[in-house]
Protein backbone atom coordinates (compact mmCIF):
# COMPACT_ATOMS: atom_id res chain seq x y z
CA MET A 1 132.33 40.25 80.41
CA ASP A 2 131.94 43.59 82.36
CA TRP A 3 132.96 43.79 85.89
CA ASN A 4 129.25 45.02 86.88
CA THR A 5 128.03 41.78 85.71
CA ILE A 6 130.81 39.59 87.28
CA SER A 7 130.17 41.48 90.54
CA TYR A 8 126.51 40.72 90.56
CA PHE A 9 127.02 37.22 89.58
CA ILE A 10 129.45 36.59 92.47
CA LEU A 11 127.00 38.25 95.05
CA ALA A 12 124.11 36.03 94.08
CA SER A 13 126.37 33.19 93.86
CA VAL A 14 127.69 33.69 97.53
CA LEU A 15 123.91 34.11 98.66
CA LEU A 16 123.03 30.90 97.15
CA THR A 17 125.72 28.99 98.48
CA ILE A 18 125.55 30.16 101.90
CA THR A 19 121.94 29.26 101.97
CA PRO A 20 121.33 25.94 103.76
CA GLY A 21 120.92 22.95 101.26
CA PRO A 22 122.27 19.79 100.64
CA ASP A 23 125.91 20.57 99.69
CA PHE A 24 126.06 23.13 102.60
CA MET A 25 124.64 20.77 105.27
CA PHE A 26 126.85 17.79 103.66
CA VAL A 27 129.99 19.76 104.17
CA PHE A 28 128.92 20.97 107.58
CA ALA A 29 128.08 17.51 108.82
CA GLN A 30 131.45 15.90 107.82
CA SER A 31 133.18 18.82 109.18
CA VAL A 32 131.71 18.36 112.82
CA SER A 33 131.98 14.55 112.71
CA HIS A 34 135.28 13.95 111.36
CA GLY A 35 137.10 17.42 111.24
CA LYS A 36 138.33 20.21 109.10
CA ARG A 37 140.27 18.14 106.58
CA ALA A 38 137.17 15.93 106.21
CA GLY A 39 134.83 18.74 105.57
CA PHE A 40 137.20 20.48 102.99
CA ALA A 41 137.72 16.87 101.23
CA THR A 42 133.85 16.86 100.97
CA GLY A 43 133.60 20.36 99.64
CA LEU A 44 136.21 19.87 97.17
CA GLY A 45 134.40 16.92 95.90
CA LEU A 46 131.29 18.99 95.59
CA CYS A 47 132.89 21.65 93.66
CA THR A 48 134.57 19.02 91.27
CA GLY A 49 130.98 17.72 90.41
CA LEU A 50 130.10 21.36 89.60
CA ILE A 51 132.58 21.17 86.89
CA GLY A 52 130.60 18.45 85.26
CA HIS A 53 127.37 20.49 85.58
CA THR A 54 129.13 23.65 84.03
CA LEU A 55 130.24 21.76 81.22
CA ALA A 56 126.59 20.34 80.68
CA ALA A 57 125.04 23.66 80.81
CA ALA A 58 127.50 25.21 78.25
CA ILE A 59 127.11 22.47 75.86
CA GLY A 60 123.38 22.02 76.32
CA ILE A 61 123.15 18.63 77.98
CA SER A 62 121.06 20.15 80.83
CA ALA A 63 118.56 21.15 78.62
CA ILE A 64 118.24 17.72 77.19
CA ILE A 65 117.84 16.30 80.94
CA TYR A 66 115.26 18.97 81.62
CA GLN A 67 113.38 18.12 78.35
CA SER A 68 113.36 14.22 79.03
CA SER A 69 111.21 13.31 81.93
CA VAL A 70 112.81 9.78 81.97
CA ALA A 71 116.28 10.98 82.05
CA PHE A 72 115.35 13.52 84.86
CA THR A 73 113.69 10.92 86.74
CA VAL A 74 116.17 8.25 86.51
CA ILE A 75 118.95 10.61 87.85
CA LYS A 76 116.75 11.89 90.39
CA VAL A 77 115.66 8.41 91.84
CA VAL A 78 119.78 7.40 91.79
CA GLY A 79 120.64 10.60 93.66
CA ALA A 80 117.87 10.10 96.03
CA VAL A 81 118.94 6.41 96.82
CA TYR A 82 122.53 7.53 97.31
CA LEU A 83 121.63 10.34 99.65
CA LEU A 84 119.67 7.45 101.61
CA TYR A 85 122.70 5.41 101.50
CA LEU A 86 124.53 8.26 103.23
CA ALA A 87 122.04 8.38 105.80
CA VAL A 88 122.03 4.66 106.64
CA GLN A 89 125.99 5.10 106.89
CA ALA A 90 125.65 8.04 109.30
CA PHE A 91 123.18 6.20 111.59
CA ARG A 92 125.72 3.48 111.86
CA GLU A 93 128.92 5.41 112.25
CA ASN A 94 130.51 4.48 115.46
CA ALA A 95 130.87 7.36 117.68
CA GLN A 96 133.95 6.58 119.57
CA PRO A 97 136.51 9.52 119.84
CA GLU A 98 139.26 7.57 118.92
CA GLN A 99 137.63 6.66 115.67
CA GLN A 100 137.25 10.22 114.64
CA THR A 101 140.74 10.42 113.10
CA VAL A 102 140.41 10.78 109.34
CA LYS A 103 143.02 8.78 107.43
CA ARG A 104 143.96 9.62 103.74
CA TYR A 105 141.93 6.99 102.34
CA THR A 106 138.93 8.41 104.26
CA LEU A 107 139.52 11.72 102.70
CA MET A 108 139.32 10.24 99.07
CA ALA A 109 136.15 8.59 100.00
CA LEU A 110 134.63 11.66 101.04
CA TYR A 111 135.89 13.51 97.90
CA ARG A 112 134.40 10.87 95.86
CA LYS A 113 131.09 10.80 97.74
CA GLY A 114 130.93 14.85 97.10
CA ILE A 115 131.42 14.33 93.41
CA LEU A 116 128.68 11.62 93.23
CA MET A 117 126.27 13.70 95.49
CA ASN A 118 126.59 16.62 93.05
CA ILE A 119 126.58 14.74 89.80
CA LEU A 120 123.50 12.60 90.75
CA ASN A 121 121.48 15.83 91.54
CA PRO A 122 119.51 16.64 88.33
CA LYS A 123 118.31 19.82 90.13
CA VAL A 124 121.90 21.37 90.07
CA SER A 125 122.08 20.79 86.30
CA ILE A 126 118.73 22.44 85.88
CA PHE A 127 119.85 25.20 88.32
CA PHE A 128 122.83 25.94 86.47
CA LEU A 129 120.96 25.97 83.19
CA ALA A 130 118.53 28.60 84.55
CA PHE A 131 120.99 30.47 86.65
CA LEU A 132 123.96 31.03 84.48
CA PRO A 133 122.25 32.44 81.15
CA GLN A 134 120.69 35.39 83.33
CA PHE A 135 124.42 36.76 83.34
CA VAL A 136 125.32 36.06 79.68
CA HIS A 137 125.24 38.64 76.76
CA VAL A 138 125.13 37.39 73.28
CA GLY A 139 127.17 40.54 72.39
CA ASN A 140 130.26 39.74 74.85
CA GLY A 141 131.31 36.88 72.56
CA SER A 142 130.88 33.01 72.69
CA VAL A 143 127.93 32.02 74.85
CA PRO A 144 129.27 28.55 75.81
CA ALA A 145 132.71 30.30 76.85
CA GLN A 146 130.82 32.85 78.94
CA MET A 147 128.87 30.13 80.84
CA ILE A 148 132.14 28.33 81.55
CA LEU A 149 133.64 31.39 82.93
CA LEU A 150 130.60 32.08 85.18
CA GLY A 151 130.80 28.34 86.10
CA VAL A 152 134.21 28.54 87.12
CA LEU A 153 133.62 31.83 89.34
CA PHE A 154 130.84 29.98 90.88
CA ILE A 155 133.31 27.11 91.76
CA ILE A 156 135.66 29.29 93.00
CA GLN A 157 133.61 31.25 95.53
CA ALA A 158 131.60 27.90 96.57
CA LEU A 159 135.29 26.27 97.59
CA LEU A 160 136.14 29.19 99.51
CA ILE A 161 133.04 29.16 101.49
CA PHE A 162 133.27 25.45 101.84
CA ALA A 163 136.70 25.93 103.11
CA LEU A 164 135.50 28.56 105.78
CA LEU A 165 132.61 26.33 106.73
CA SER A 166 134.80 23.45 107.27
CA PHE A 167 137.24 25.12 109.40
CA SER A 168 134.51 26.77 111.70
CA ALA A 169 132.34 23.40 111.84
CA GLY A 170 135.31 21.33 112.56
CA THR A 171 136.58 23.60 115.33
CA ILE A 172 133.37 23.13 116.81
CA GLY A 173 133.22 19.17 116.28
CA GLU A 174 136.90 18.79 117.86
CA LYS A 175 135.50 20.35 120.90
CA LEU A 176 132.69 17.76 120.79
CA TRP A 177 134.79 14.49 120.40
CA ASN A 178 135.64 13.75 123.84
CA ASN A 179 131.93 13.28 124.66
CA PRO A 180 130.65 9.82 122.92
CA VAL A 181 126.95 10.79 123.64
CA ILE A 182 127.10 14.21 121.65
CA LEU A 183 128.94 12.18 118.88
CA LYS A 184 126.15 9.66 118.80
CA TRP A 185 123.44 12.35 118.52
CA ILE A 186 125.68 14.10 115.88
CA ASN A 187 125.63 11.14 113.57
CA ARG A 188 121.88 10.57 114.34
CA MET A 189 121.20 14.15 113.22
CA LYS A 190 123.60 13.65 110.05
CA GLY A 191 121.49 10.49 109.09
CA LEU A 192 118.30 12.72 109.47
CA VAL A 193 119.57 15.42 107.24
CA PHE A 194 120.63 13.14 104.43
CA ALA A 195 117.23 11.31 104.65
CA PHE A 196 115.19 14.44 104.46
CA PHE A 197 117.12 15.62 101.48
CA SER A 198 116.71 12.08 99.98
CA ILE A 199 113.07 12.35 100.30
CA ARG A 200 112.96 15.88 99.04
CA LEU A 201 114.94 15.19 96.02
CA LEU A 202 112.61 12.06 95.16
CA PHE A 203 109.59 14.28 95.26
CA GLU A 204 111.10 17.10 93.41
CA GLN A 205 109.43 18.24 90.17
CA LYS A 206 111.43 19.88 87.13
């Protein structure tokens, strides 16, 4: 692939990644609530989930999901329910400062949540199916290989942005941990964000 195509793709990918959406807000919320490491673990999980969507787009599974209303609806409903579950968890989080320390098992749990959140969002599969082919040229060789390469580039830039977001949001969060009232409202806002994206996903059309 030529460097112009790759440059345009990376620029478009960065602009899409920094646009506030479920992934961006998820990393931001976990970083503020639990610190930089928690935010990065969340972002790493989300990017791991993108590997599945990249492979799905490359071998055509995303097209099958798009064509099948039943498959799309089932995945969409499961994803919406999972986001609602995260919203309930956020509302129930204890806002005591001493409980904001993230342990190793918590980081793994956030990593798994990130994977599930991305895998259970059919809109991501459809997005990859629509976005990646715009930068693919048949004359450049294997189409699946080009899509996988573009997917890898997208994942790398997303991980870098999530790392920066985790550091900045985590730094802000650390300054707020000594105020239980503020932490309580942060958890409530996090719950509202997840609930909003759950409802939005539930009413999404293909």
